[in-house]
Amino acid sequence: MTVARSAALFVLAALFEIGGAWLVWQGVRGGAHGQGRGLLWTGAGVVALGAYGFVATLQPDAEFGRILAAYGGVFVAGSIAWGMVADGYRPDRWDIVGALVCLAGMAVIMYAPRAR
């Protein structure tokens, strides 16, 4: 159950961080002609980014460096997925391979058996 909880927290953290960064991007630069959507979008993004920082602290592992290093793999794969859904981005095979490599690295860092 710990792995499932940890994976769910990584997904939630990714939604907040990637979503928050996307909202800031849209607030400052978004729109079809590069015109930002304004302070409301930017502010919502800042709130989401703050929520990401909180969610990351809920991981069952107590090692900050391990959590953030492993989360990097989730961030990479999640960013590609977010771009596909939110912006119509079409990843090529190398984007997909790279994301899978990052997720494999995350799994090794977080879930490899360790002597305690």
C-alpha atoms as a PDB file:
ATOM      1  CA  MET A   1       0.000   0.000   0.000  1.00  0.00           C
ATOM      2  CA  THR A   2       2.918   2.366   0.587  1.00  0.00           C
ATOM      3  CA  VAL A   3       3.967   2.218  -3.094  1.00  0.00           C
ATOM      4  CA  ALA A   4       0.405   2.961  -4.232  1.00  0.00           C
ATOM      5  CA  ARG A   5       0.151   5.919  -1.817  1.00  0.00           C
ATOM      6  CA  SER A   6       3.536   7.225  -2.905  1.00  0.00           C
ATOM      7  CA  ALA A   7       2.647   6.919  -6.610  1.00  0.00           C
ATOM      8  CA  ALA A   8      -0.668   8.702  -6.029  1.00  0.00           C
ATOM      9  CA  LEU A   9       1.138  11.523  -4.224  1.00  0.00           C
ATOM     10  CA  PHE A  10       3.585  11.843  -7.126  1.00  0.00           C
ATOM     11  CA  VAL A  11       0.672  12.130  -9.563  1.00  0.00           C
ATOM     12  CA  LEU A  12      -1.037  14.738  -7.367  1.00  0.00           C
ATOM     13  CA  ALA A  13       2.218  16.686  -7.008  1.00  0.00           C
ATOM     14  CA  ALA A  14       2.660  16.617 -10.788  1.00  0.00           C
ATOM     15  CA  LEU A  15      -0.860  17.932 -11.341  1.00  0.00           C
ATOM     16  CA  PHE A  16      -0.189  20.843  -9.007  1.00  0.00           C
ATOM     17  CA  GLU A  17       3.310  21.657 -10.247  1.00  0.00           C
ATOM     18  CA  ILE A  18       2.793  21.191 -13.960  1.00  0.00           C
ATOM     19  CA  GLY A  19      -0.689  22.688 -13.810  1.00  0.00           C
ATOM     20  CA  GLY A  20       0.600  25.623 -11.779  1.00  0.00           C
ATOM     21  CA  ALA A  21       3.463  26.275 -14.163  1.00  0.00           C
ATOM     22  CA  TRP A  22       1.056  26.019 -17.115  1.00  0.00           C
ATOM     23  CA  LEU A  23      -1.315  28.513 -15.476  1.00  0.00           C
ATOM     24  CA  VAL A  24       1.547  30.970 -14.897  1.00  0.00           C
ATOM     25  CA  TRP A  25       2.645  30.455 -18.516  1.00  0.00           C
ATOM     26  CA  GLN A  26      -0.888  31.120 -19.734  1.00  0.00           C
ATOM     27  CA  GLY A  27      -1.243  34.121 -17.448  1.00  0.00           C
ATOM     28  CA  VAL A  28       1.953  35.744 -18.679  1.00  0.00           C
ATOM     29  CA  ARG A  29       2.418  34.436 -22.234  1.00  0.00           C
ATOM     30  CA  GLY A  30      -0.687  32.434 -23.168  1.00  0.00           C
ATOM     31  CA  GLY A  31      -3.185  32.965 -25.894  1.00  0.00           C
ATOM     32  CA  ALA A  32      -3.002  32.419 -29.612  1.00  0.00           C
ATOM     33  CA  HIS A  33      -1.023  35.610 -30.219  1.00  0.00           C
ATOM     34  CA  GLY A  34       1.263  35.497 -27.213  1.00  0.00           C
ATOM     35  CA  GLN A  35      -0.944  37.753 -25.123  1.00  0.00           C
ATOM     36  CA  GLY A  36      -1.146  36.710 -21.490  1.00  0.00           C
ATOM     37  CA  ARG A  37      -4.436  35.895 -19.845  1.00  0.00           C
ATOM     38  CA  GLY A  38      -3.749  38.023 -16.810  1.00  0.00           C
ATOM     39  CA  LEU A  39      -3.216  38.052 -13.087  1.00  0.00           C
ATOM     40  CA  LEU A  40      -6.040  35.660 -12.190  1.00  0.00           C
ATOM     41  CA  TRP A  41      -4.427  32.842 -14.173  1.00  0.00           C
ATOM     42  CA  THR A  42      -0.983  33.745 -12.848  1.00  0.00           C
ATOM     43  CA  GLY A  43      -2.229  33.881  -9.256  1.00  0.00           C
ATOM     44  CA  ALA A  44      -3.972  30.530  -9.582  1.00  0.00           C
ATOM     45  CA  GLY A  45      -0.704  29.106 -10.885  1.00  0.00           C
ATOM     46  CA  VAL A  46       1.231  30.443  -7.911  1.00  0.00           C
ATOM     47  CA  VAL A  47      -1.303  28.868  -5.517  1.00  0.00           C
ATOM     48  CA  ALA A  48      -1.049  25.531  -7.344  1.00  0.00           C
ATOM     49  CA  LEU A  49       2.754  25.658  -7.187  1.00  0.00           C
ATOM     50  CA  GLY A  50       2.542  26.228  -3.439  1.00  0.00           C
ATOM     51  CA  ALA A  51       0.216  23.243  -3.122  1.00  0.00           C
ATOM     52  CA  TYR A  52       2.776  21.136  -4.997  1.00  0.00           C
ATOM     53  CA  GLY A  53       5.382  21.984  -2.365  1.00  0.00           C
ATOM     54  CA  PHE A  54       3.043  20.843   0.372  1.00  0.00           C
ATOM     55  CA  VAL A  55       2.007  17.599  -1.355  1.00  0.00           C
ATOM     56  CA  ALA A  56       5.660  16.620  -1.806  1.00  0.00           C
ATOM     57  CA  THR A  57       6.073  16.623   1.996  1.00  0.00           C
ATOM     58  CA  LEU A  58       3.416  13.909   2.335  1.00  0.00           C
ATOM     59  CA  GLN A  59       5.600  11.207   0.761  1.00  0.00           C
ATOM     60  CA  PRO A  60       6.216   8.303   3.162  1.00  0.00           C
ATOM     61  CA  ASP A  61      10.003   8.429   2.611  1.00  0.00           C
ATOM     62  CA  ALA A  62      11.713  11.053   4.794  1.00  0.00           C
ATOM     63  CA  GLU A  63      14.645  11.796   2.454  1.00  0.00           C
ATOM     64  CA  PHE A  64      14.130  15.144   0.710  1.00  0.00           C
ATOM     65  CA  GLY A  65      16.816  14.530  -1.908  1.00  0.00           C
ATOM     66  CA  ARG A  66      15.424  11.122  -2.825  1.00  0.00           C
ATOM     67  CA  ILE A  67      11.859  12.410  -3.118  1.00  0.00           C
ATOM     68  CA  LEU A  68      12.787  15.355  -5.333  1.00  0.00           C
ATOM     69  CA  ALA A  69      15.153  13.318  -7.494  1.00  0.00           C
ATOM     70  CA  ALA A  70      12.544  10.631  -8.042  1.00  0.00           C
ATOM     71  CA  TYR A  71       9.814  13.206  -8.635  1.00  0.00           C
ATOM     72  CA  GLY A  72      11.891  14.544 -11.520  1.00  0.00           C
ATOM     73  CA  GLY A  73      11.003  11.432 -13.519  1.00  0.00           C
ATOM     74  CA  VAL A  74       7.313  11.937 -12.830  1.00  0.00           C
ATOM     75  CA  PHE A  75       7.647  15.602 -13.802  1.00  0.00           C
ATOM     76  CA  VAL A  76       9.205  14.734 -17.170  1.00  0.00           C
ATOM     77  CA  ALA A  77       6.542  12.180 -18.097  1.00  0.00           C
ATOM     78  CA  GLY A  78       3.747  14.318 -16.661  1.00  0.00           C
ATOM     79  CA  SER A  79       4.878  17.382 -18.590  1.00  0.00           C
ATOM     80  CA  ILE A  80       4.705  15.494 -21.867  1.00  0.00           C
ATOM     81  CA  ALA A  81       1.255  14.153 -20.977  1.00  0.00           C
ATOM     82  CA  TRP A  82       0.051  17.622 -19.905  1.00  0.00           C
ATOM     83  CA  GLY A  83       1.265  19.121 -23.177  1.00  0.00           C
ATOM     84  CA  MET A  84      -0.624  16.465 -25.105  1.00  0.00           C
ATOM     85  CA  VAL A  85      -3.888  17.112 -23.255  1.00  0.00           C
ATOM     86  CA  ALA A  86      -3.728  20.879 -22.699  1.00  0.00           C
ATOM     87  CA  ASP A  87      -1.863  22.104 -25.770  1.00  0.00           C
ATOM     88  CA  GLY A  88      -2.218  19.390 -28.401  1.00  0.00           C
ATOM     89  CA  TYR A  89       1.489  18.530 -28.256  1.00  0.00           C
ATOM     90  CA  ARG A  90       2.387  15.400 -30.231  1.00  0.00           C
ATOM     91  CA  PRO A  91       5.424  13.673 -28.725  1.00  0.00           C
ATOM     92  CA  ASP A  92       7.697  11.701 -30.998  1.00  0.00           C
ATOM     93  CA  ARG A  93       9.064   8.269 -30.155  1.00  0.00           C
ATOM     94  CA  TRP A  94      12.131   9.766 -28.475  1.00  0.00           C
ATOM     95  CA  ASP A  95       9.970  11.873 -26.170  1.00  0.00           C
ATOM     96  CA  ILE A  96       8.124   8.694 -25.169  1.00  0.00           C
ATOM     97  CA  VAL A  97      11.331   6.672 -24.721  1.00  0.00           C
ATOM     98  CA  GLY A  98      12.861   9.465 -22.661  1.00  0.00           C
ATOM     99  CA  ALA A  99       9.779   9.717 -20.443  1.00  0.00           C
ATOM    100  CA  LEU A 100       9.797   5.950 -19.877  1.00  0.00           C
ATOM    101  CA  VAL A 101      13.502   6.051 -18.970  1.00  0.00           C
ATOM    102  CA  CYS A 102      12.751   8.820 -16.464  1.00  0.00           C
ATOM    103  CA  LEU A 103       9.893   6.823 -14.933  1.00  0.00           C
ATOM    104  CA  ALA A 104      12.138   3.762 -14.677  1.00  0.00           C
ATOM    105  CA  GLY A 105      14.726   5.900 -12.886  1.00  0.00           C
ATOM    106  CA  MET A 106      12.047   7.170 -10.516  1.00  0.00           C
ATOM    107  CA  ALA A 107      11.003   3.609  -9.704  1.00  0.00           C
ATOM    108  CA  VAL A 108      14.587   2.559  -8.978  1.00  0.00           C
ATOM    109  CA  ILE A 109      15.252   5.584  -6.782  1.00  0.00           C
ATOM    110  CA  MET A 110      12.013   5.304  -4.798  1.00  0.00           C
ATOM    111  CA  TYR A 111      11.099   1.657  -4.659  1.00  0.00           C
ATOM    112  CA  ALA A 112      14.300  -0.405  -4.840  1.00  0.00           C
ATOM    113  CA  PRO A 113      14.691  -2.592  -1.749  1.00  0.00           C
ATOM    114  CA  ARG A 114      17.047  -1.041   0.788  1.00  0.00           C
ATOM    115  CA  ALA A 115      18.600  -2.353   3.934  1.00  0.00           C
ATOM    116  CA  ARG A 116      17.173  -0.379   6.821  1.00  0.00           C
END
